[in-house]
PDB file of all heavy atoms in Angstrom:
ATOM      1  N   ARG A   1      21.010  13.249 -16.867  1.00  0.00           N
ATOM      2  CA  ARG A   1      21.690  14.357 -16.198  1.00  0.00           C
ATOM      3  C   ARG A   1      21.237  14.505 -14.751  1.00  0.00           C
ATOM      4  O   ARG A   1      22.038  14.723 -13.849  1.00  0.00           O
ATOM      5  CB  ARG A   1      21.428  15.663 -16.960  1.00  0.00           C
ATOM      6  CG  ARG A   1      22.359  16.812 -16.551  1.00  0.00           C
ATOM      7  CD  ARG A   1      21.912  18.125 -17.181  1.00  0.00           C
ATOM      8  NE  ARG A   1      21.737  18.045 -18.616  1.00  0.00           N
ATOM      9  CZ  ARG A   1      22.715  18.187 -19.512  1.00  0.00           C
ATOM     10  NH1 ARG A   1      23.957  18.431 -19.093  1.00  0.00           N
ATOM     11  NH2 ARG A   1      22.468  18.104 -20.811  1.00  0.00           N
ATOM     12  N   THR A   2      19.929  14.390 -14.477  1.00  0.00           N
ATOM     13  CA  THR A   2      19.412  14.636 -13.134  1.00  0.00           C
ATOM     14  C   THR A   2      18.885  13.384 -12.435  1.00  0.00           C
ATOM     15  O   THR A   2      18.432  13.468 -11.299  1.00  0.00           O
ATOM     16  CB  THR A   2      18.275  15.672 -13.182  1.00  0.00           C
ATOM     17  OG1 THR A   2      17.215  15.179 -14.032  1.00  0.00           O
ATOM     18  CG2 THR A   2      18.776  17.009 -13.710  1.00  0.00           C
ATOM     19  N   GLY A   3      18.936  12.238 -13.103  1.00  0.00           N
ATOM     20  CA  GLY A   3      18.414  11.026 -12.483  1.00  0.00           C
ATOM     21  C   GLY A   3      18.608   9.838 -13.414  1.00  0.00           C
ATOM     22  O   GLY A   3      19.337   9.899 -14.401  1.00  0.00           O
ATOM     23  N   PHE A   4      17.921   8.728 -13.095  1.00  0.00           N
ATOM     24  CA  PHE A   4      18.050   7.534 -13.908  1.00  0.00           C
ATOM     25  C   PHE A   4      16.680   6.891 -14.098  1.00  0.00           C
ATOM     26  O   PHE A   4      15.731   7.178 -13.365  1.00  0.00           O
ATOM     27  CB  PHE A   4      19.020   6.525 -13.279  1.00  0.00           C
ATOM     28  CG  PHE A   4      18.560   5.974 -11.954  1.00  0.00           C
ATOM     29  CD1 PHE A   4      17.840   4.793 -11.877  1.00  0.00           C
ATOM     30  CD2 PHE A   4      18.839   6.632 -10.768  1.00  0.00           C
ATOM     31  CE1 PHE A   4      17.409   4.270 -10.666  1.00  0.00           C
ATOM     32  CE2 PHE A   4      18.415   6.122  -9.548  1.00  0.00           C
ATOM     33  CZ  PHE A   4      17.701   4.952  -9.499  1.00  0.00           C
ATOM     34  N   THR A   5      16.576   6.023 -15.114  1.00  0.00           N
ATOM     35  CA  THR A   5      15.341   5.292 -15.361  1.00  0.00           C
ATOM     36  C   THR A   5      15.637   3.806 -15.422  1.00  0.00           C
ATOM     37  O   THR A   5      16.729   3.392 -15.824  1.00  0.00           O
ATOM     38  CB  THR A   5      14.685   5.724 -16.690  1.00  0.00           C
ATOM     39  OG1 THR A   5      15.636   5.559 -17.760  1.00  0.00           O
ATOM     40  CG2 THR A   5      14.242   7.175 -16.633  1.00  0.00           C
ATOM     41  N   VAL A   6      14.660   3.011 -14.982  1.00  0.00           N
ATOM     42  CA  VAL A   6      14.750   1.558 -15.060  1.00  0.00           C
ATOM     43  C   VAL A   6      13.706   1.096 -16.066  1.00  0.00           C
ATOM     44  O   VAL A   6      12.507   1.349 -15.888  1.00  0.00           O
ATOM     45  CB  VAL A   6      14.510   0.902 -13.686  1.00  0.00           C
ATOM     46  CG1 VAL A   6      14.544  -0.619 -13.809  1.00  0.00           C
ATOM     47  CG2 VAL A   6      15.540   1.384 -12.679  1.00  0.00           C
ATOM     48  N   ASN A   7      14.168   0.459 -17.153  1.00  0.00           N
ATOM     49  CA  ASN A   7      13.302   0.107 -18.275  1.00  0.00           C
ATOM     50  C   ASN A   7      12.583   1.366 -18.765  1.00  0.00           C
ATOM     51  O   ASN A   7      13.211   2.375 -19.004  1.00  0.00           O
ATOM     52  CB  ASN A   7      12.349  -1.017 -17.880  1.00  0.00           C
ATOM     53  CG  ASN A   7      13.098  -2.323 -17.614  1.00  0.00           C
ATOM     54  OD1 ASN A   7      14.146  -2.574 -18.225  1.00  0.00           O
ATOM     55  ND2 ASN A   7      12.600  -3.147 -16.713  1.00  0.00           N
ATOM     56  N   ASP A   8      11.264   1.348 -18.867  1.00  0.00           N
ATOM     57  CA  ASP A   8      10.523   2.526 -19.346  1.00  0.00           C
ATOM     58  C   ASP A   8       9.832   3.248 -18.199  1.00  0.00           C
ATOM     59  O   ASP A   8       8.818   3.932 -18.408  1.00  0.00           O
ATOM     60  CB  ASP A   8       9.482   2.098 -20.390  1.00  0.00           C
ATOM     61  CG  ASP A   8      10.135   1.593 -21.662  1.00  0.00           C
ATOM     62  OD1 ASP A   8      11.218   2.104 -22.030  1.00  0.00           O
ATOM     63  OD2 ASP A   8       9.571   0.689 -22.287  1.00  0.00           O
ATOM     64  N   GLY A   9      10.377   3.103 -16.975  1.00  0.00           N
ATOM     65  CA  GLY A   9       9.783   3.739 -15.809  1.00  0.00           C
ATOM     66  C   GLY A   9      10.063   5.233 -15.769  1.00  0.00           C
ATOM     67  O   GLY A   9      10.761   5.784 -16.626  1.00  0.00           O
ATOM     68  N   PRO A  10       9.523   5.918 -14.754  1.00  0.00           N
ATOM     69  CA  PRO A  10       9.710   7.364 -14.630  1.00  0.00           C
ATOM     70  C   PRO A  10      11.128   7.718 -14.212  1.00  0.00           C
ATOM     71  O   PRO A  10      11.898   6.857 -13.748  1.00  0.00           O
ATOM     72  CB  PRO A  10       8.703   7.749 -13.531  1.00  0.00           C
ATOM     73  CG  PRO A  10       8.591   6.513 -12.694  1.00  0.00           C
ATOM     74  CD  PRO A  10       8.710   5.367 -13.660  1.00  0.00           C
ATOM     75  N   LEU A  11      11.484   8.998 -14.375  1.00  0.00           N
ATOM     76  CA  LEU A  11      12.797   9.485 -13.961  1.00  0.00           C
ATOM     77  C   LEU A  11      12.891   9.445 -12.438  1.00  0.00           C
ATOM     78  O   LEU A  11      12.023   9.934 -11.733  1.00  0.00           O
ATOM     79  CB  LEU A  11      13.009  10.913 -14.455  1.00  0.00           C
ATOM     80  CG  LEU A  11      14.370  11.530 -14.122  1.00  0.00           C
ATOM     81  CD1 LEU A  11      15.475  10.826 -14.902  1.00  0.00           C
ATOM     82  CD2 LEU A  11      14.377  13.021 -14.435  1.00  0.00           C
ATOM     83  N   ARG A  12      13.961   8.861 -11.913  1.00  0.00           N
ATOM     84  CA  ARG A  12      14.187   8.769 -10.468  1.00  0.00           C
ATOM     85  C   ARG A  12      15.378   9.651 -10.124  1.00  0.00           C
ATOM     86  O   ARG A  12      16.490   9.416 -10.599  1.00  0.00           O
ATOM     87  CB  ARG A  12      14.432   7.311 -10.074  1.00  0.00           C
ATOM     88  CG  ARG A  12      13.224   6.435 -10.389  1.00  0.00           C
ATOM     89  CD  ARG A  12      13.519   4.960 -10.323  1.00  0.00           C
ATOM     90  NE  ARG A  12      13.948   4.523  -9.014  1.00  0.00           N
ATOM     91  CZ  ARG A  12      14.106   3.249  -8.658  1.00  0.00           C
ATOM     92  NH1 ARG A  12      13.848   2.290  -9.535  1.00  0.00           N
ATOM     93  NH2 ARG A  12      14.515   2.929  -7.448  1.00  0.00           N
ATOM     94  N   ASN A  13      15.136  10.650  -9.311  1.00  0.00           N
ATOM     95  CA  ASN A  13      16.156  11.650  -9.005  1.00  0.00           C
ATOM     96  C   ASN A  13      17.303  11.045  -8.209  1.00  0.00           C
ATOM     97  O   ASN A  13      17.087  10.260  -7.279  1.00  0.00           O
ATOM     98  CB  ASN A  13      15.517  12.813  -8.233  1.00  0.00           C
ATOM     99  CG  ASN A  13      16.405  14.026  -8.214  1.00  0.00           C
ATOM    100  OD1 ASN A  13      17.386  14.068  -7.490  1.00  0.00           O
ATOM    101  ND2 ASN A  13      16.061  15.012  -9.017  1.00  0.00           N
ATOM    102  N   TYR A  14      18.539  11.431  -8.560  1.00  0.00           N
ATOM    103  CA  TYR A  14      19.711  10.898  -7.868  1.00  0.00           C
ATOM    104  C   TYR A  14      19.695  11.218  -6.373  1.00  0.00           C
ATOM    105  O   TYR A  14      20.263  10.480  -5.572  1.00  0.00           O
ATOM    106  CB  TYR A  14      20.994  11.495  -8.466  1.00  0.00           C
ATOM    107  CG  TYR A  14      21.311  11.025  -9.858  1.00  0.00           C
ATOM    108  CD1 TYR A  14      21.566  11.946 -10.878  1.00  0.00           C
ATOM    109  CD2 TYR A  14      21.384   9.668 -10.164  1.00  0.00           C
ATOM    110  CE1 TYR A  14      21.864  11.516 -12.159  1.00  0.00           C
ATOM    111  CE2 TYR A  14      21.685   9.243 -11.441  1.00  0.00           C
ATOM    112  CZ  TYR A  14      21.927  10.172 -12.441  1.00  0.00           C
ATOM    113  OH  TYR A  14      22.229   9.747 -13.706  1.00  0.00           O
ATOM    114  N   GLU A  15      19.053  12.315  -5.986  1.00  0.00           N
ATOM    115  CA  GLU A  15      19.170  12.788  -4.609  1.00  0.00           C
ATOM    116  C   GLU A  15      18.143  12.151  -3.673  1.00  0.00           C
ATOM    117  O   GLU A  15      18.198  12.360  -2.464  1.00  0.00           O
ATOM    118  CB  GLU A  15      19.029  14.313  -4.580  1.00  0.00           C
ATOM    119  CG  GLU A  15      20.167  15.006  -5.317  1.00  0.00           C
ATOM    120  CD  GLU A  15      19.929  16.485  -5.508  1.00  0.00           C
ATOM    121  OE1 GLU A  15      18.807  16.935  -5.192  1.00  0.00           O
ATOM    122  OE2 GLU A  15      20.833  17.179  -5.966  1.00  0.00           O
ATOM    123  N   GLU A  16      17.195  11.376  -4.193  1.00  0.00           N
ATOM    124  CA  GLU A  16      16.242  10.685  -3.334  1.00  0.00           C
ATOM    125  C   GLU A  16      16.923   9.498  -2.657  1.00  0.00           C
ATOM    126  O   GLU A  16      17.815   8.865  -3.231  1.00  0.00           O
ATOM    127  CB  GLU A  16      15.040  10.225  -4.156  1.00  0.00           C
ATOM    128  CG  GLU A  16      14.236  11.390  -4.729  1.00  0.00           C
ATOM    129  CD  GLU A  16      13.097  10.913  -5.598  1.00  0.00           C
ATOM    130  OE1 GLU A  16      12.993   9.681  -5.829  1.00  0.00           O
ATOM    131  OE2 GLU A  16      12.317  11.761  -6.057  1.00  0.00           O
ATOM    132  N   GLU A  17      16.484   9.202  -1.443  1.00  0.00           N
ATOM    133  CA  GLU A  17      17.173   8.191  -0.634  1.00  0.00           C
ATOM    134  C   GLU A  17      17.169   6.818  -1.304  1.00  0.00           C
ATOM    135  O   GLU A  17      18.199   6.132  -1.356  1.00  0.00           O
ATOM    136  CB  GLU A  17      16.520   8.098   0.748  1.00  0.00           C
ATOM    137  CG  GLU A  17      17.255   7.158   1.696  1.00  0.00           C
ATOM    138  CD  GLU A  17      16.667   7.178   3.099  1.00  0.00           C
ATOM    139  OE1 GLU A  17      15.704   7.933   3.336  1.00  0.00           O
ATOM    140  OE2 GLU A  17      17.185   6.449   3.949  1.00  0.00           O
ATOM    141  N   GLU A  18      16.010   6.396  -1.844  1.00  0.00           N
ATOM    142  CA  GLU A  18      15.949   5.086  -2.494  1.00  0.00           C
ATOM    143  C   GLU A  18      16.876   5.037  -3.705  1.00  0.00           C
ATOM    144  O   GLU A  18      17.513   4.008  -3.965  1.00  0.00           O
ATOM    145  CB  GLU A  18      14.514   4.778  -2.913  1.00  0.00           C
ATOM    146  CG  GLU A  18      13.575   4.521  -1.758  1.00  0.00           C
ATOM    147  CD  GLU A  18      12.181   4.158  -2.209  1.00  0.00           C
ATOM    148  OE1 GLU A  18      11.935   4.119  -3.430  1.00  0.00           O
ATOM    149  OE2 GLU A  18      11.339   3.909  -1.350  1.00  0.00           O
ATOM    150  N   SER A  19      16.959   6.149  -4.426  1.00  0.00           N
ATOM    151  CA  SER A  19      17.827   6.201  -5.595  1.00  0.00           C
ATOM    152  C   SER A  19      19.285   6.090  -5.191  1.00  0.00           C
ATOM    153  O   SER A  19      20.092   5.429  -5.865  1.00  0.00           O
ATOM    154  CB  SER A  19      17.591   7.503  -6.361  1.00  0.00           C
ATOM    155  OG  SER A  19      16.259   7.600  -6.796  1.00  0.00           O
ATOM    156  N   ARG A  20      19.642   6.733  -4.084  1.00  0.00           N
ATOM    157  CA  ARG A  20      21.029   6.673  -3.615  1.00  0.00           C
ATOM    158  C   ARG A  20      21.427   5.240  -3.275  1.00  0.00           C
ATOM    159  O   ARG A  20      22.538   4.788  -3.585  1.00  0.00           O
ATOM    160  CB  ARG A  20      21.202   7.592  -2.406  1.00  0.00           C
ATOM    161  CG  ARG A  20      21.049   9.070  -2.751  1.00  0.00           C
ATOM    162  CD  ARG A  20      20.872   9.910  -1.496  1.00  0.00           C
ATOM    163  NE  ARG A  20      22.090   9.957  -0.700  1.00  0.00           N
ATOM    164  CZ  ARG A  20      23.016  10.902  -0.828  1.00  0.00           C
ATOM    165  NH1 ARG A  20      22.865  11.860  -1.713  1.00  0.00           N
ATOM    166  NH2 ARG A  20      24.087  10.901  -0.064  1.00  0.00           N
ATOM    167  N   HIS A  21      20.527   4.495  -2.614  1.00  0.00           N
ATOM    168  CA  HIS A  21      20.808   3.091  -2.289  1.00  0.00           C
ATOM    169  C   HIS A  21      20.941   2.258  -3.565  1.00  0.00           C
ATOM    170  O   HIS A  21      21.814   1.383  -3.665  1.00  0.00           O
ATOM    171  CB  HIS A  21      19.697   2.526  -1.409  1.00  0.00           C
ATOM    172  CG  HIS A  21      19.679   3.082  -0.025  1.00  0.00           C
ATOM    173  ND1 HIS A  21      20.811   3.237   0.743  1.00  0.00           N
ATOM    174  CD2 HIS A  21      18.649   3.537   0.751  1.00  0.00           C
ATOM    175  CE1 HIS A  21      20.502   3.749   1.926  1.00  0.00           C
ATOM    176  NE2 HIS A  21      19.194   3.952   1.941  1.00  0.00           N
ATOM    177  N   PHE A  22      20.052   2.517  -4.525  1.00  0.00           N
ATOM    178  CA  PHE A  22      20.068   1.769  -5.786  1.00  0.00           C
ATOM    179  C   PHE A  22      21.406   1.973  -6.496  1.00  0.00           C
ATOM    180  O   PHE A  22      22.070   1.001  -6.886  1.00  0.00           O
ATOM    181  CB  PHE A  22      18.909   2.254  -6.671  1.00  0.00           C
ATOM    182  CG  PHE A  22      18.694   1.442  -7.908  1.00  0.00           C
ATOM    183  CD1 PHE A  22      17.655   0.529  -7.976  1.00  0.00           C
ATOM    184  CD2 PHE A  22      19.509   1.602  -9.026  1.00  0.00           C
ATOM    185  CE1 PHE A  22      17.452  -0.222  -9.124  1.00  0.00           C
ATOM    186  CE2 PHE A  22      19.303   0.872 -10.175  1.00  0.00           C
ATOM    187  CZ  PHE A  22      18.276  -0.048 -10.225  1.00  0.00           C
ATOM    188  N   ILE A  23      21.827   3.231  -6.659  1.00  0.00           N
ATOM    189  CA  ILE A  23      23.077   3.537  -7.350  1.00  0.00           C
ATOM    190  C   ILE A  23      24.276   3.003  -6.569  1.00  0.00           C
ATOM    191  O   ILE A  23      25.263   2.532  -7.149  1.00  0.00           O
ATOM    192  CB  ILE A  23      23.202   5.043  -7.586  1.00  0.00           C
ATOM    193  CG1 ILE A  23      22.090   5.528  -8.530  1.00  0.00           C
ATOM    194  CG2 ILE A  23      24.561   5.404  -8.146  1.00  0.00           C
ATOM    195  CD1 ILE A  23      22.132   4.890  -9.895  1.00  0.00           C
ATOM    196  N   SER A  24      24.192   3.058  -5.229  1.00  0.00           N
ATOM    197  CA  SER A  24      25.283   2.543  -4.405  1.00  0.00           C
ATOM    198  C   SER A  24      25.490   1.050  -4.661  1.00  0.00           C
ATOM    199  O   SER A  24      26.627   0.576  -4.781  1.00  0.00           O
ATOM    200  CB  SER A  24      24.983   2.793  -2.924  1.00  0.00           C
ATOM    201  OG  SER A  24      25.977   2.222  -2.098  1.00  0.00           O
ATOM    202  N   ASP A  25      24.392   0.279  -4.770  1.00  0.00           N
ATOM    203  CA  ASP A  25      24.507  -1.155  -5.054  1.00  0.00           C
ATOM    204  C   ASP A  25      25.148  -1.379  -6.422  1.00  0.00           C
ATOM    205  O   ASP A  25      26.006  -2.260  -6.583  1.00  0.00           O
ATOM    206  CB  ASP A  25      23.127  -1.811  -5.014  1.00  0.00           C
ATOM    207  CG  ASP A  25      22.613  -2.002  -3.597  1.00  0.00           C
ATOM    208  OD1 ASP A  25      23.441  -1.979  -2.666  1.00  0.00           O
ATOM    209  OD2 ASP A  25      21.395  -2.162  -3.416  1.00  0.00           O
ATOM    210  N   ILE A  26      24.742  -0.577  -7.413  1.00  0.00           N
ATOM    211  CA  ILE A  26      25.294  -0.723  -8.762  1.00  0.00           C
ATOM    212  C   ILE A  26      26.803  -0.472  -8.744  1.00  0.00           C
ATOM    213  O   ILE A  26      27.591  -1.210  -9.331  1.00  0.00           O
ATOM    214  CB  ILE A  26      24.603   0.242  -9.737  1.00  0.00           C
ATOM    215  CG1 ILE A  26      23.122  -0.148  -9.932  1.00  0.00           C
ATOM    216  CG2 ILE A  26      25.321   0.261 -11.084  1.00  0.00           C
ATOM    217  CD1 ILE A  26      22.906  -1.466 -10.608  1.00  0.00           C
ATOM    218  N   LYS A  27      27.231   0.598  -8.025  1.00  0.00           N
ATOM    219  CA  LYS A  27      28.656   0.934  -7.970  1.00  0.00           C
ATOM    220  C   LYS A  27      29.472  -0.163  -7.297  1.00  0.00           C
ATOM    221  O   LYS A  27      30.647  -0.356  -7.602  1.00  0.00           O
ATOM    222  CB  LYS A  27      28.847   2.261  -7.235  1.00  0.00           C
ATOM    223  CG  LYS A  27      28.374   3.480  -8.016  1.00  0.00           C
ATOM    224  CD  LYS A  27      28.623   4.766  -7.231  1.00  0.00           C
ATOM    225  CE  LYS A  27      28.226   5.983  -8.037  1.00  0.00           C
ATOM    226  NZ  LYS A  27      28.440   7.247  -7.273  1.00  0.00           N
ATOM    227  N   LYS A  28      28.846  -0.872  -6.341  1.00  0.00           N
ATOM    228  CA  LYS A  28      29.537  -1.940  -5.629  1.00  0.00           C
ATOM    229  C   LYS A  28      29.468  -3.278  -6.368  1.00  0.00           C
ATOM    230  O   LYS A  28      29.938  -4.289  -5.862  1.00  0.00           O
ATOM    231  CB  LYS A  28      28.948  -2.099  -4.234  1.00  0.00           C
ATOM    232  CG  LYS A  28      29.195  -0.888  -3.335  1.00  0.00           C
ATOM    233  CD  LYS A  28      28.508  -1.053  -1.989  1.00  0.00           C
ATOM    234  CE  LYS A  28      28.730   0.180  -1.112  1.00  0.00           C
ATOM    235  NZ  LYS A  28      28.014   0.072   0.193  1.00  0.00           N
ATOM    236  N   GLY A  29      28.842  -3.261  -7.542  1.00  0.00           N
ATOM    237  CA  GLY A  29      28.753  -4.490  -8.318  1.00  0.00           C
ATOM    238  C   GLY A  29      27.681  -5.441  -7.840  1.00  0.00           C
ATOM    239  O   GLY A  29      27.713  -6.630  -8.160  1.00  0.00           O
ATOM    240  N   ARG A  30      26.699  -4.914  -7.063  1.00  0.00           N
ATOM    241  CA  ARG A  30      25.615  -5.759  -6.550  1.00  0.00           C
ATOM    242  C   ARG A  30      24.327  -5.477  -7.326  1.00  0.00           C
ATOM    243  O   ARG A  30      24.123  -4.370  -7.829  1.00  0.00           O
ATOM    244  CB  ARG A  30      25.385  -5.489  -5.070  1.00  0.00           C
ATOM    245  CG  ARG A  30      26.584  -5.786  -4.199  1.00  0.00           C
ATOM    246  CD  ARG A  30      26.192  -5.839  -2.734  1.00  0.00           C
ATOM    247  NE  ARG A  30      25.563  -4.616  -2.282  1.00  0.00           N
ATOM    248  CZ  ARG A  30      25.975  -3.935  -1.217  1.00  0.00           C
ATOM    249  NH1 ARG A  30      27.009  -4.366  -0.510  1.00  0.00           N
ATOM    250  NH2 ARG A  30      25.355  -2.832  -0.845  1.00  0.00           N
ATOM    251  N   ILE A  31      23.469  -6.474  -7.405  1.00  0.00           N
ATOM    252  CA  ILE A  31      22.153  -6.283  -8.008  1.00  0.00           C
ATOM    253  C   ILE A  31      21.230  -5.663  -6.961  1.00  0.00           C
ATOM    254  O   ILE A  31      21.075  -6.227  -5.871  1.00  0.00           O
ATOM    255  CB  ILE A  31      21.563  -7.621  -8.500  1.00  0.00           C
ATOM    256  CG1 ILE A  31      22.505  -8.274  -9.503  1.00  0.00           C
ATOM    257  CG2 ILE A  31      20.191  -7.384  -9.123  1.00  0.00           C
ATOM    258  CD1 ILE A  31      22.752  -7.470 -10.746  1.00  0.00           C
ATOM    259  N   PRO A  32      20.617  -4.498  -7.216  1.00  0.00           N
ATOM    260  CA  PRO A  32      19.709  -3.892  -6.237  1.00  0.00           C
ATOM    261  C   PRO A  32      18.590  -4.852  -5.848  1.00  0.00           C
ATOM    262  O   PRO A  32      18.107  -5.642  -6.668  1.00  0.00           O
ATOM    263  CB  PRO A  32      19.163  -2.665  -6.981  1.00  0.00           C
ATOM    264  CG  PRO A  32      20.252  -2.314  -7.955  1.00  0.00           C
ATOM    265  CD  PRO A  32      20.808  -3.634  -8.394  1.00  0.00           C
ATOM    266  N   LEU A  33      18.177  -4.782  -4.582  1.00  0.00           N
ATOM    267  CA  LEU A  33      17.199  -5.718  -4.046  1.00  0.00           C
ATOM    268  C   LEU A  33      15.887  -5.677  -4.818  1.00  0.00           C
ATOM    269  O   LEU A  33      15.262  -6.716  -5.040  1.00  0.00           O
ATOM    270  CB  LEU A  33      16.946  -5.388  -2.557  1.00  0.00           C
ATOM    271  CG  LEU A  33      15.993  -6.330  -1.816  1.00  0.00           C
ATOM    272  CD1 LEU A  33      16.520  -7.758  -1.855  1.00  0.00           C
ATOM    273  CD2 LEU A  33      15.821  -5.867  -0.369  1.00  0.00           C
ATOM    274  N   GLU A  34      15.460  -4.489  -5.252  1.00  0.00           N
ATOM    275  CA  GLU A  34      14.176  -4.394  -5.954  1.00  0.00           C
ATOM    276  C   GLU A  34      14.204  -5.175  -7.272  1.00  0.00           C
ATOM    277  O   GLU A  34      13.191  -5.743  -7.690  1.00  0.00           O
ATOM    278  CB  GLU A  34      13.802  -2.946  -6.223  1.00  0.00           C
ATOM    279  CG  GLU A  34      14.717  -2.205  -7.184  1.00  0.00           C
ATOM    280  CD  GLU A  34      14.247  -0.799  -7.471  1.00  0.00           C
ATOM    281  OE1 GLU A  34      14.489   0.109  -6.652  1.00  0.00           O
ATOM    282  OE2 GLU A  34      13.623  -0.623  -8.518  1.00  0.00           O
ATOM    283  N   LEU A  35      15.380  -5.240  -7.926  1.00  0.00           N
ATOM    284  CA  LEU A  35      15.489  -6.009  -9.164  1.00  0.00           C
ATOM    285  C   LEU A  35      15.504  -7.501  -8.893  1.00  0.00           C
ATOM    286  O   LEU A  35      14.954  -8.293  -9.673  1.00  0.00           O
ATOM    287  CB  LEU A  35      16.750  -5.598  -9.927  1.00  0.00           C
ATOM    288  CG  LEU A  35      16.839  -4.129 -10.366  1.00  0.00           C
ATOM    289  CD1 LEU A  35      18.097  -3.904 -11.189  1.00  0.00           C
ATOM    290  CD2 LEU A  35      15.600  -3.716 -11.157  1.00  0.00           C
ATOM    291  N   LEU A  36      16.118  -7.885  -7.779  1.00  0.00           N
ATOM    292  CA  LEU A  36      16.119  -9.299  -7.408  1.00  0.00           C
ATOM    293  C   LEU A  36      14.705  -9.786  -7.121  1.00  0.00           C
ATOM    294  O   LEU A  36      14.313 -10.879  -7.526  1.00  0.00           O
ATOM    295  CB  LEU A  36      17.008  -9.513  -6.175  1.00  0.00           C
ATOM    296  CG  LEU A  36      18.525  -9.339  -6.385  1.00  0.00           C
ATOM    297  CD1 LEU A  36      19.251  -9.446  -5.060  1.00  0.00           C
ATOM    298  CD2 LEU A  36      19.050 -10.378  -7.360  1.00  0.00           C
ATOM    299  N   ARG A  37      13.935  -8.959  -6.408  1.00  0.00           N
ATOM    300  CA  ARG A  37      12.552  -9.345  -6.101  1.00  0.00           C
ATOM    301  C   ARG A  37      11.716  -9.448  -7.367  1.00  0.00           C
ATOM    302  O   ARG A  37      10.899 -10.357  -7.529  1.00  0.00           O
ATOM    303  CB  ARG A  37      11.931  -8.331  -5.149  1.00  0.00           C
ATOM    304  CG  ARG A  37      12.525  -8.359  -3.740  1.00  0.00           C
ATOM    305  CD  ARG A  37      11.961  -7.236  -2.899  1.00  0.00           C
ATOM    306  NE  ARG A  37      12.421  -7.303  -1.520  1.00  0.00           N
ATOM    307  CZ  ARG A  37      12.223  -6.347  -0.626  1.00  0.00           C
ATOM    308  NH1 ARG A  37      11.584  -5.245  -0.970  1.00  0.00           N
ATOM    309  NH2 ARG A  37      12.670  -6.486   0.616  1.00  0.00           N
ATOM    310  N   ALA A  38      11.919  -8.493  -8.290  1.00  0.00           N
ATOM    311  CA  ALA A  38      11.120  -8.473  -9.515  1.00  0.00           C
ATOM    312  C   ALA A  38      11.486  -9.614 -10.462  1.00  0.00           C
ATOM    313  O   ALA A  38      10.687 -10.008 -11.306  1.00  0.00           O
ATOM    314  CB  ALA A  38      11.297  -7.136 -10.232  1.00  0.00           C
TER     315      ALA A  38
END
């Protein structure tokens, strides 16, 4: 409801800047850079 989680990580709020970029990549059909690096 208020954010998202990656695997078993902590809740990441939708309104934080990094979260906005992450969700934006997902909506555009791109793999977020942090997942590519990992």
